[in-house]
């Protein structure tokens, strides 16, 4: 039951953060603050499914279409899985940064008619802000809380 609750909570928070910050969550230059949650599978691997569901719903609401809804959500699932496999805390933000910068940029460049490397650069910058700037401190906080609880 704890796992299902974590999955639902991550999905809900992901959708809310993406929708509340909608102007910054989509496009070739974006800082999707919800991506800070992509580090959590390092501690709780099952939350990759919450990220997938949250991304699917957020991308559906975002209105960029089929590629964003399905491919974007699958890339988030892959990033969550890879995050759950890293062995060092500092590495947890790397899979979402790399997967999104290289993968999401592929279809965004096509959909928005922008240069692929332009998109890679700006998605990487946005992901780094979300994952290292917000997600990494969140991960350290959660690790500390888990140690305190025993």
N, C-alpha and C. Protein backbone atom coordinates (compact mmCIF):
# COMPACT_ATOMS: atom_id res chain seq x y z
N UNK A 1 0.82 -1.20 0.00
CA UNK A 1 0.00 0.00 0.00
C UNK A 1 0.87 1.26 0.00
N UNK A 2 2.02 1.23 0.72
CA UNK A 2 2.93 2.38 0.72
C UNK A 2 3.41 2.69 -0.69
N UNK A 3 3.73 1.64 -1.44
CA UNK A 3 4.23 1.84 -2.80
C UNK A 3 3.19 2.52 -3.68
N UNK A 4 1.95 2.07 -3.60
CA UNK A 4 0.88 2.66 -4.39
C UNK A 4 0.65 4.12 -4.00
N UNK A 5 0.74 4.39 -2.72
CA UNK A 5 0.58 5.77 -2.24
C UNK A 5 1.70 6.66 -2.77
N UNK A 6 2.93 6.15 -2.75
CA UNK A 6 4.07 6.92 -3.28
C UNK A 6 3.88 7.21 -4.77
N UNK A 7 3.47 6.18 -5.50
CA UNK A 7 3.26 6.33 -6.94
C UNK A 7 2.21 7.40 -7.22
N UNK A 8 1.09 7.32 -6.52
CA UNK A 8 0.00 8.30 -6.72
C UNK A 8 0.43 9.71 -6.32
N UNK A 9 1.15 9.80 -5.23
CA UNK A 9 1.60 11.12 -4.76
C UNK A 9 2.57 11.76 -5.77
N UNK A 10 3.51 10.99 -6.25
CA UNK A 10 4.48 11.51 -7.23
C UNK A 10 3.74 11.93 -8.50
N UNK A 11 2.81 11.10 -8.97
CA UNK A 11 2.05 11.45 -10.18
C UNK A 11 1.29 12.75 -9.98
N UNK A 12 0.61 12.89 -8.85
CA UNK A 12 -0.18 14.09 -8.60
C UNK A 12 0.69 15.34 -8.49
N UNK A 13 1.77 15.25 -7.75
CA UNK A 13 2.66 16.41 -7.58
C UNK A 13 3.29 16.78 -8.93
N UNK A 14 3.65 15.78 -9.72
CA UNK A 14 4.24 16.05 -11.04
C UNK A 14 3.26 16.83 -11.90
N UNK A 15 2.02 16.39 -11.95
CA UNK A 15 1.01 17.08 -12.76
C UNK A 15 0.80 18.50 -12.26
N UNK A 16 0.63 18.66 -10.96
CA UNK A 16 0.37 19.99 -10.40
C UNK A 16 1.53 20.94 -10.69
N UNK A 17 2.76 20.51 -10.45
CA UNK A 17 3.91 21.37 -10.71
C UNK A 17 4.03 21.74 -12.19
N UNK A 18 3.73 20.80 -13.05
CA UNK A 18 3.83 21.08 -14.48
C UNK A 18 2.75 22.06 -14.92
N UNK A 19 1.53 21.85 -14.45
CA UNK A 19 0.41 22.71 -14.87
C UNK A 19 0.50 24.10 -14.24
N UNK A 20 0.87 24.18 -12.98
CA UNK A 20 0.98 25.48 -12.32
C UNK A 20 2.04 26.34 -13.01
N UNK A 21 3.12 25.74 -13.43
CA UNK A 21 4.19 26.47 -14.10
C UNK A 21 4.16 26.22 -15.61
N UNK A 22 2.96 26.13 -16.16
CA UNK A 22 2.74 25.77 -17.56
C UNK A 22 3.60 26.54 -18.56
N UNK A 23 3.72 27.86 -18.45
CA UNK A 23 4.52 28.57 -19.45
C UNK A 23 5.98 28.13 -19.49
N UNK A 24 6.48 27.59 -18.39
CA UNK A 24 7.89 27.18 -18.31
C UNK A 24 8.08 25.68 -18.52
N UNK A 25 6.96 24.94 -18.64
CA UNK A 25 7.02 23.48 -18.67
C UNK A 25 7.09 22.87 -20.06
N UNK A 26 6.85 23.67 -21.09
CA UNK A 26 6.80 23.14 -22.45
C UNK A 26 7.60 24.03 -23.39
N UNK A 27 8.02 23.46 -24.49
CA UNK A 27 8.72 24.22 -25.51
C UNK A 27 10.19 23.88 -25.59
N UNK A 28 10.90 24.49 -26.55
CA UNK A 28 12.31 24.16 -26.74
C UNK A 28 13.20 24.71 -25.63
N UNK A 29 12.75 25.75 -24.96
CA UNK A 29 13.45 26.30 -23.79
C UNK A 29 12.48 26.13 -22.63
N UNK A 30 12.81 25.22 -21.72
CA UNK A 30 11.90 24.94 -20.62
C UNK A 30 12.66 24.57 -19.35
N UNK A 31 12.03 24.92 -18.24
CA UNK A 31 12.48 24.43 -16.94
C UNK A 31 11.24 23.82 -16.32
N UNK A 32 11.09 22.51 -16.49
CA UNK A 32 9.94 21.81 -15.94
C UNK A 32 10.28 21.46 -14.49
N UNK A 33 9.78 22.27 -13.57
CA UNK A 33 10.13 22.10 -12.16
C UNK A 33 9.74 20.72 -11.63
N UNK A 34 8.72 20.11 -12.20
CA UNK A 34 8.31 18.77 -11.78
C UNK A 34 9.41 17.74 -11.97
N UNK A 35 10.35 18.04 -12.84
CA UNK A 35 11.46 17.11 -13.08
C UNK A 35 12.36 16.95 -11.86
N UNK A 36 12.22 17.83 -10.88
CA UNK A 36 12.99 17.65 -9.64
C UNK A 36 12.63 16.33 -8.97
N UNK A 37 11.44 15.81 -9.27
CA UNK A 37 10.99 14.54 -8.68
C UNK A 37 11.67 13.33 -9.30
N UNK A 38 12.33 13.51 -10.42
CA UNK A 38 12.92 12.36 -11.12
C UNK A 38 14.10 11.74 -10.39
N UNK A 39 14.56 12.37 -9.32
CA UNK A 39 15.65 11.79 -8.53
C UNK A 39 15.12 10.79 -7.50
N UNK A 40 13.85 10.83 -7.23
CA UNK A 40 13.27 10.02 -6.15
C UNK A 40 13.37 8.51 -6.39
N UNK A 41 13.33 8.02 -7.64
CA UNK A 41 13.53 6.57 -7.82
C UNK A 41 14.86 6.05 -7.29
N UNK A 42 15.81 6.92 -7.04
CA UNK A 42 17.06 6.49 -6.41
C UNK A 42 16.76 5.87 -5.05
N UNK A 43 15.81 6.45 -4.32
CA UNK A 43 15.43 5.94 -3.00
C UNK A 43 14.25 4.97 -3.06
N UNK A 44 13.31 5.26 -3.94
CA UNK A 44 12.08 4.48 -4.04
C UNK A 44 11.84 4.14 -5.52
N UNK A 45 12.39 3.01 -5.98
CA UNK A 45 12.31 2.68 -7.41
C UNK A 45 10.89 2.65 -7.98
N UNK A 46 9.92 2.27 -7.17
CA UNK A 46 8.55 2.19 -7.67
C UNK A 46 8.00 3.54 -8.12
N UNK A 47 8.60 4.62 -7.66
CA UNK A 47 8.08 5.94 -8.03
C UNK A 47 8.31 6.27 -9.50
N UNK A 48 9.10 5.47 -10.21
CA UNK A 48 9.25 5.69 -11.64
C UNK A 48 7.89 5.59 -12.34
N UNK A 49 7.00 4.76 -11.79
CA UNK A 49 5.66 4.63 -12.37
C UNK A 49 4.81 5.87 -12.10
N UNK A 50 5.02 6.50 -10.97
CA UNK A 50 4.34 7.76 -10.69
C UNK A 50 4.83 8.87 -11.60
N UNK A 51 6.14 8.88 -11.87
CA UNK A 51 6.69 9.85 -12.81
C UNK A 51 6.11 9.64 -14.20
N UNK A 52 6.03 8.38 -14.62
CA UNK A 52 5.45 8.05 -15.93
C UNK A 52 4.01 8.54 -16.02
N UNK A 53 3.20 8.19 -15.03
CA UNK A 53 1.79 8.58 -15.03
C UNK A 53 1.64 10.10 -14.95
N UNK A 54 2.40 10.73 -14.08
CA UNK A 54 2.34 12.18 -13.94
C UNK A 54 2.74 12.89 -15.23
N UNK A 55 3.79 12.41 -15.86
CA UNK A 55 4.25 12.99 -17.11
C UNK A 55 3.22 12.78 -18.22
N UNK A 56 2.64 11.59 -18.27
CA UNK A 56 1.61 11.29 -19.26
C UNK A 56 0.45 12.26 -19.13
N UNK A 57 -0.06 12.43 -17.91
CA UNK A 57 -1.19 13.33 -17.69
C UNK A 57 -0.82 14.79 -17.95
N UNK A 58 0.34 15.21 -17.49
CA UNK A 58 0.79 16.59 -17.70
C UNK A 58 0.96 16.87 -19.19
N UNK A 59 1.57 15.93 -19.91
CA UNK A 59 1.78 16.13 -21.34
C UNK A 59 0.46 16.10 -22.11
N UNK A 60 -0.48 15.31 -21.64
CA UNK A 60 -1.82 15.31 -22.24
C UNK A 60 -2.46 16.69 -22.08
N UNK A 61 -2.35 17.24 -20.89
CA UNK A 61 -2.91 18.57 -20.62
C UNK A 61 -2.13 19.68 -21.33
N UNK A 62 -0.85 19.43 -21.61
CA UNK A 62 0.01 20.44 -22.23
C UNK A 62 -0.32 20.74 -23.67
N UNK A 63 -0.97 19.81 -24.35
CA UNK A 63 -1.46 20.06 -25.70
C UNK A 63 -0.44 19.99 -26.82
N UNK A 64 0.71 19.37 -26.60
CA UNK A 64 1.70 19.29 -27.68
C UNK A 64 1.53 18.04 -28.54
N UNK A 65 0.59 17.19 -28.18
CA UNK A 65 0.25 16.07 -29.04
C UNK A 65 0.86 14.73 -28.68
N UNK A 66 0.62 13.80 -29.61
CA UNK A 66 0.94 12.39 -29.44
C UNK A 66 2.39 12.14 -29.04
N UNK A 67 3.33 12.72 -29.77
CA UNK A 67 4.75 12.46 -29.48
C UNK A 67 5.11 12.86 -28.06
N UNK A 68 4.65 14.01 -27.63
CA UNK A 68 4.96 14.46 -26.28
C UNK A 68 4.29 13.58 -25.24
N UNK A 69 3.05 13.23 -25.48
CA UNK A 69 2.31 12.41 -24.51
C UNK A 69 2.96 11.04 -24.35
N UNK A 70 3.19 10.36 -25.46
CA UNK A 70 3.66 8.97 -25.38
C UNK A 70 5.19 8.85 -25.30
N UNK A 71 5.88 9.49 -26.21
CA UNK A 71 7.34 9.37 -26.20
C UNK A 71 7.92 10.06 -24.98
N UNK A 72 7.43 11.25 -24.68
CA UNK A 72 7.92 11.98 -23.51
C UNK A 72 7.72 11.20 -22.22
N UNK A 73 6.56 10.57 -22.09
CA UNK A 73 6.26 9.79 -20.89
C UNK A 73 7.14 8.55 -20.80
N UNK A 74 7.37 7.89 -21.93
CA UNK A 74 8.25 6.71 -21.94
C UNK A 74 9.70 7.10 -21.63
N UNK A 75 10.13 8.26 -22.11
CA UNK A 75 11.48 8.73 -21.78
C UNK A 75 11.60 9.02 -20.29
N UNK A 76 10.54 9.56 -19.69
CA UNK A 76 10.55 9.81 -18.25
C UNK A 76 10.60 8.50 -17.49
N UNK A 77 9.88 7.50 -17.95
CA UNK A 77 9.93 6.17 -17.32
C UNK A 77 11.35 5.60 -17.42
N UNK A 78 11.97 5.72 -18.58
CA UNK A 78 13.34 5.24 -18.75
C UNK A 78 14.29 5.99 -17.82
N UNK A 79 14.14 7.30 -17.74
CA UNK A 79 15.00 8.09 -16.85
C UNK A 79 14.80 7.66 -15.40
N UNK A 80 13.56 7.41 -15.00
CA UNK A 80 13.29 6.94 -13.64
C UNK A 80 13.92 5.59 -13.37
N UNK A 81 13.81 4.69 -14.34
CA UNK A 81 14.43 3.37 -14.18
C UNK A 81 15.95 3.50 -14.04
N UNK A 82 16.57 4.27 -14.92
CA UNK A 82 18.02 4.43 -14.85
C UNK A 82 18.45 5.11 -13.55
N UNK A 83 17.65 6.05 -13.07
CA UNK A 83 17.94 6.70 -11.79
C UNK A 83 17.91 5.67 -10.66
N UNK A 84 16.97 4.74 -10.73
CA UNK A 84 16.88 3.71 -9.68
C UNK A 84 18.08 2.77 -9.69
N UNK A 85 18.84 2.77 -10.78
CA UNK A 85 19.98 1.87 -10.91
C UNK A 85 21.32 2.49 -10.56
N UNK A 86 21.38 3.83 -10.41
CA UNK A 86 22.67 4.45 -10.11
C UNK A 86 23.10 4.09 -8.70
N UNK A 87 24.40 4.13 -8.47
CA UNK A 87 24.93 3.67 -7.18
C UNK A 87 25.39 4.80 -6.27
N UNK A 88 25.49 6.00 -6.78
CA UNK A 88 25.94 7.14 -5.98
C UNK A 88 24.84 8.21 -5.99
N UNK A 89 24.62 8.83 -4.86
CA UNK A 89 23.57 9.85 -4.75
C UNK A 89 23.76 10.97 -5.76
N UNK A 90 24.97 11.45 -5.91
CA UNK A 90 25.22 12.58 -6.80
C UNK A 90 24.91 12.26 -8.26
N UNK A 91 24.83 10.96 -8.59
CA UNK A 91 24.54 10.56 -9.96
C UNK A 91 23.04 10.52 -10.28
N UNK A 92 22.20 10.58 -9.26
CA UNK A 92 20.75 10.45 -9.47
C UNK A 92 20.18 11.46 -10.47
N UNK A 93 20.64 12.70 -10.50
CA UNK A 93 20.08 13.64 -11.48
C UNK A 93 20.54 13.41 -12.93
N UNK A 94 21.60 12.64 -13.11
CA UNK A 94 22.17 12.51 -14.46
C UNK A 94 21.27 11.81 -15.47
N UNK A 95 20.63 10.68 -15.14
CA UNK A 95 19.77 10.05 -16.16
C UNK A 95 18.65 10.95 -16.70
N UNK A 96 17.90 11.65 -15.83
CA UNK A 96 16.85 12.50 -16.42
C UNK A 96 17.42 13.64 -17.26
N UNK A 97 18.56 14.18 -16.87
CA UNK A 97 19.15 15.26 -17.66
C UNK A 97 19.54 14.74 -19.04
N UNK A 98 20.25 13.63 -19.07
CA UNK A 98 20.73 13.09 -20.35
C UNK A 98 19.59 12.56 -21.23
N UNK A 99 18.68 11.80 -20.63
CA UNK A 99 17.57 11.21 -21.41
C UNK A 99 16.69 12.31 -22.00
N UNK A 100 16.35 13.29 -21.18
CA UNK A 100 15.48 14.36 -21.69
C UNK A 100 16.20 15.26 -22.67
N UNK A 101 17.44 15.61 -22.38
CA UNK A 101 18.17 16.49 -23.30
C UNK A 101 18.30 15.84 -24.68
N UNK A 102 18.65 14.58 -24.72
CA UNK A 102 18.87 13.91 -26.00
C UNK A 102 17.58 13.37 -26.62
N UNK A 103 16.68 12.85 -25.79
CA UNK A 103 15.45 12.22 -26.31
C UNK A 103 14.32 13.20 -26.58
N UNK A 104 13.95 13.98 -25.58
CA UNK A 104 12.85 14.92 -25.75
C UNK A 104 13.20 15.93 -26.85
N UNK A 105 14.45 16.33 -26.90
CA UNK A 105 14.87 17.28 -27.93
C UNK A 105 14.65 16.73 -29.33
N UNK A 106 14.72 15.43 -29.49
CA UNK A 106 14.51 14.82 -30.80
C UNK A 106 13.14 15.12 -31.35
N UNK A 107 12.11 14.92 -30.56
CA UNK A 107 10.78 15.20 -31.10
C UNK A 107 10.40 16.67 -30.99
N UNK A 108 10.95 17.39 -30.00
CA UNK A 108 10.66 18.83 -29.91
C UNK A 108 11.24 19.58 -31.11
N UNK A 109 12.44 19.21 -31.52
CA UNK A 109 13.05 19.86 -32.70
C UNK A 109 12.15 19.66 -33.91
N UNK A 110 11.62 18.46 -34.04
CA UNK A 110 10.72 18.14 -35.16
C UNK A 110 9.40 18.91 -35.03
N UNK A 111 8.77 18.84 -33.87
CA UNK A 111 7.46 19.48 -33.67
C UNK A 111 7.53 21.01 -33.76
N UNK A 112 8.58 21.58 -33.20
CA UNK A 112 8.66 23.04 -33.11
C UNK A 112 9.54 23.65 -34.19
N UNK A 113 10.08 22.79 -35.06
CA UNK A 113 10.91 23.26 -36.17
C UNK A 113 12.09 24.11 -35.68
N UNK A 114 12.80 23.57 -34.68
CA UNK A 114 14.01 24.23 -34.19
C UNK A 114 15.18 23.28 -34.38
N UNK A 115 16.37 23.81 -34.34
CA UNK A 115 17.58 23.02 -34.46
C UNK A 115 17.68 22.05 -33.29
N UNK A 116 18.03 20.79 -33.60
CA UNK A 116 18.13 19.75 -32.58
C UNK A 116 19.10 20.15 -31.47
N UNK A 117 20.29 20.63 -31.82
CA UNK A 117 21.30 20.94 -30.81
C UNK A 117 20.92 22.16 -29.98
N UNK A 118 20.18 23.07 -30.57
CA UNK A 118 19.61 24.19 -29.81
C UNK A 118 18.68 23.64 -28.72
N UNK A 119 17.82 22.72 -29.13
CA UNK A 119 16.89 22.11 -28.19
C UNK A 119 17.63 21.30 -27.13
N UNK A 120 18.63 20.52 -27.53
CA UNK A 120 19.42 19.72 -26.57
C UNK A 120 20.03 20.64 -25.51
N UNK A 121 20.62 21.72 -25.96
CA UNK A 121 21.27 22.65 -25.03
C UNK A 121 20.29 23.19 -24.00
N UNK A 122 19.16 23.69 -24.48
CA UNK A 122 18.22 24.34 -23.57
C UNK A 122 17.45 23.35 -22.70
N UNK A 123 17.15 22.17 -23.23
CA UNK A 123 16.51 21.15 -22.39
C UNK A 123 17.51 20.71 -21.32
N UNK A 124 18.78 20.55 -21.67
CA UNK A 124 19.80 20.16 -20.69
C UNK A 124 19.93 21.22 -19.60
N UNK A 125 19.91 22.48 -19.98
CA UNK A 125 20.00 23.56 -18.98
C UNK A 125 18.80 23.51 -18.04
N UNK A 126 17.61 23.40 -18.61
CA UNK A 126 16.39 23.33 -17.78
C UNK A 126 16.36 22.12 -16.88
N UNK A 127 16.77 20.98 -17.41
CA UNK A 127 16.81 19.75 -16.61
C UNK A 127 17.85 19.86 -15.49
N UNK A 128 18.96 20.47 -15.79
CA UNK A 128 20.00 20.64 -14.76
C UNK A 128 19.50 21.52 -13.64
N UNK A 129 18.79 22.59 -13.97
CA UNK A 129 18.21 23.45 -12.94
C UNK A 129 17.22 22.66 -12.09
N UNK A 130 16.34 21.91 -12.75
CA UNK A 130 15.33 21.15 -12.02
C UNK A 130 15.93 19.99 -11.22
N UNK A 131 16.83 19.23 -11.85
CA UNK A 131 17.32 18.00 -11.22
C UNK A 131 18.47 18.21 -10.23
N UNK A 132 19.42 19.05 -10.58
CA UNK A 132 20.51 19.32 -9.64
C UNK A 132 20.15 20.47 -8.71
N UNK A 133 19.53 21.50 -9.25
CA UNK A 133 19.20 22.68 -8.44
C UNK A 133 18.11 22.44 -7.41
N UNK A 134 17.09 21.68 -7.79
CA UNK A 134 15.97 21.39 -6.87
C UNK A 134 15.94 19.93 -6.43
N UNK A 135 16.11 19.03 -7.38
CA UNK A 135 15.98 17.61 -7.09
C UNK A 135 17.06 17.06 -6.17
N UNK A 136 18.30 17.46 -6.42
CA UNK A 136 19.39 16.94 -5.59
C UNK A 136 19.25 17.36 -4.13
N UNK A 137 18.95 18.65 -3.83
CA UNK A 137 18.70 19.00 -2.43
C UNK A 137 17.50 18.24 -1.83
N UNK A 138 16.47 18.03 -2.64
CA UNK A 138 15.32 17.24 -2.19
C UNK A 138 15.76 15.82 -1.85
N UNK A 139 16.56 15.23 -2.69
CA UNK A 139 17.06 13.87 -2.45
C UNK A 139 17.89 13.80 -1.17
N UNK A 140 18.77 14.76 -0.96
CA UNK A 140 19.58 14.78 0.26
C UNK A 140 18.70 14.93 1.50
N UNK A 141 17.68 15.76 1.40
CA UNK A 141 16.74 15.94 2.50
C UNK A 141 16.01 14.63 2.80
N UNK A 142 15.52 13.97 1.77
CA UNK A 142 14.80 12.70 1.97
C UNK A 142 15.72 11.62 2.55
N UNK A 143 16.97 11.57 2.08
CA UNK A 143 17.93 10.61 2.63
C UNK A 143 18.14 10.85 4.12
N UNK A 144 18.30 12.11 4.48
CA UNK A 144 18.51 12.47 5.89
C UNK A 144 17.30 12.06 6.73
N UNK A 145 16.11 12.33 6.22
CA UNK A 145 14.88 11.97 6.96
C UNK A 145 14.77 10.45 7.12
N UNK A 146 15.12 9.70 6.09
CA UNK A 146 15.07 8.24 6.18
C UNK A 146 16.06 7.71 7.20
N UNK A 147 17.26 8.29 7.26
CA UNK A 147 18.25 7.88 8.26
C UNK A 147 17.76 8.18 9.67
N UNK A 148 17.15 9.36 9.86
CA UNK A 148 16.65 9.76 11.18
C UNK A 148 15.55 8.81 11.65
N UNK A 149 14.73 8.34 10.72
CA UNK A 149 13.62 7.44 11.07
C UNK A 149 14.11 6.02 11.34
N UNK A 150 15.32 5.73 10.88
CA UNK A 150 15.90 4.42 11.14
C UNK A 150 15.48 3.44 10.18
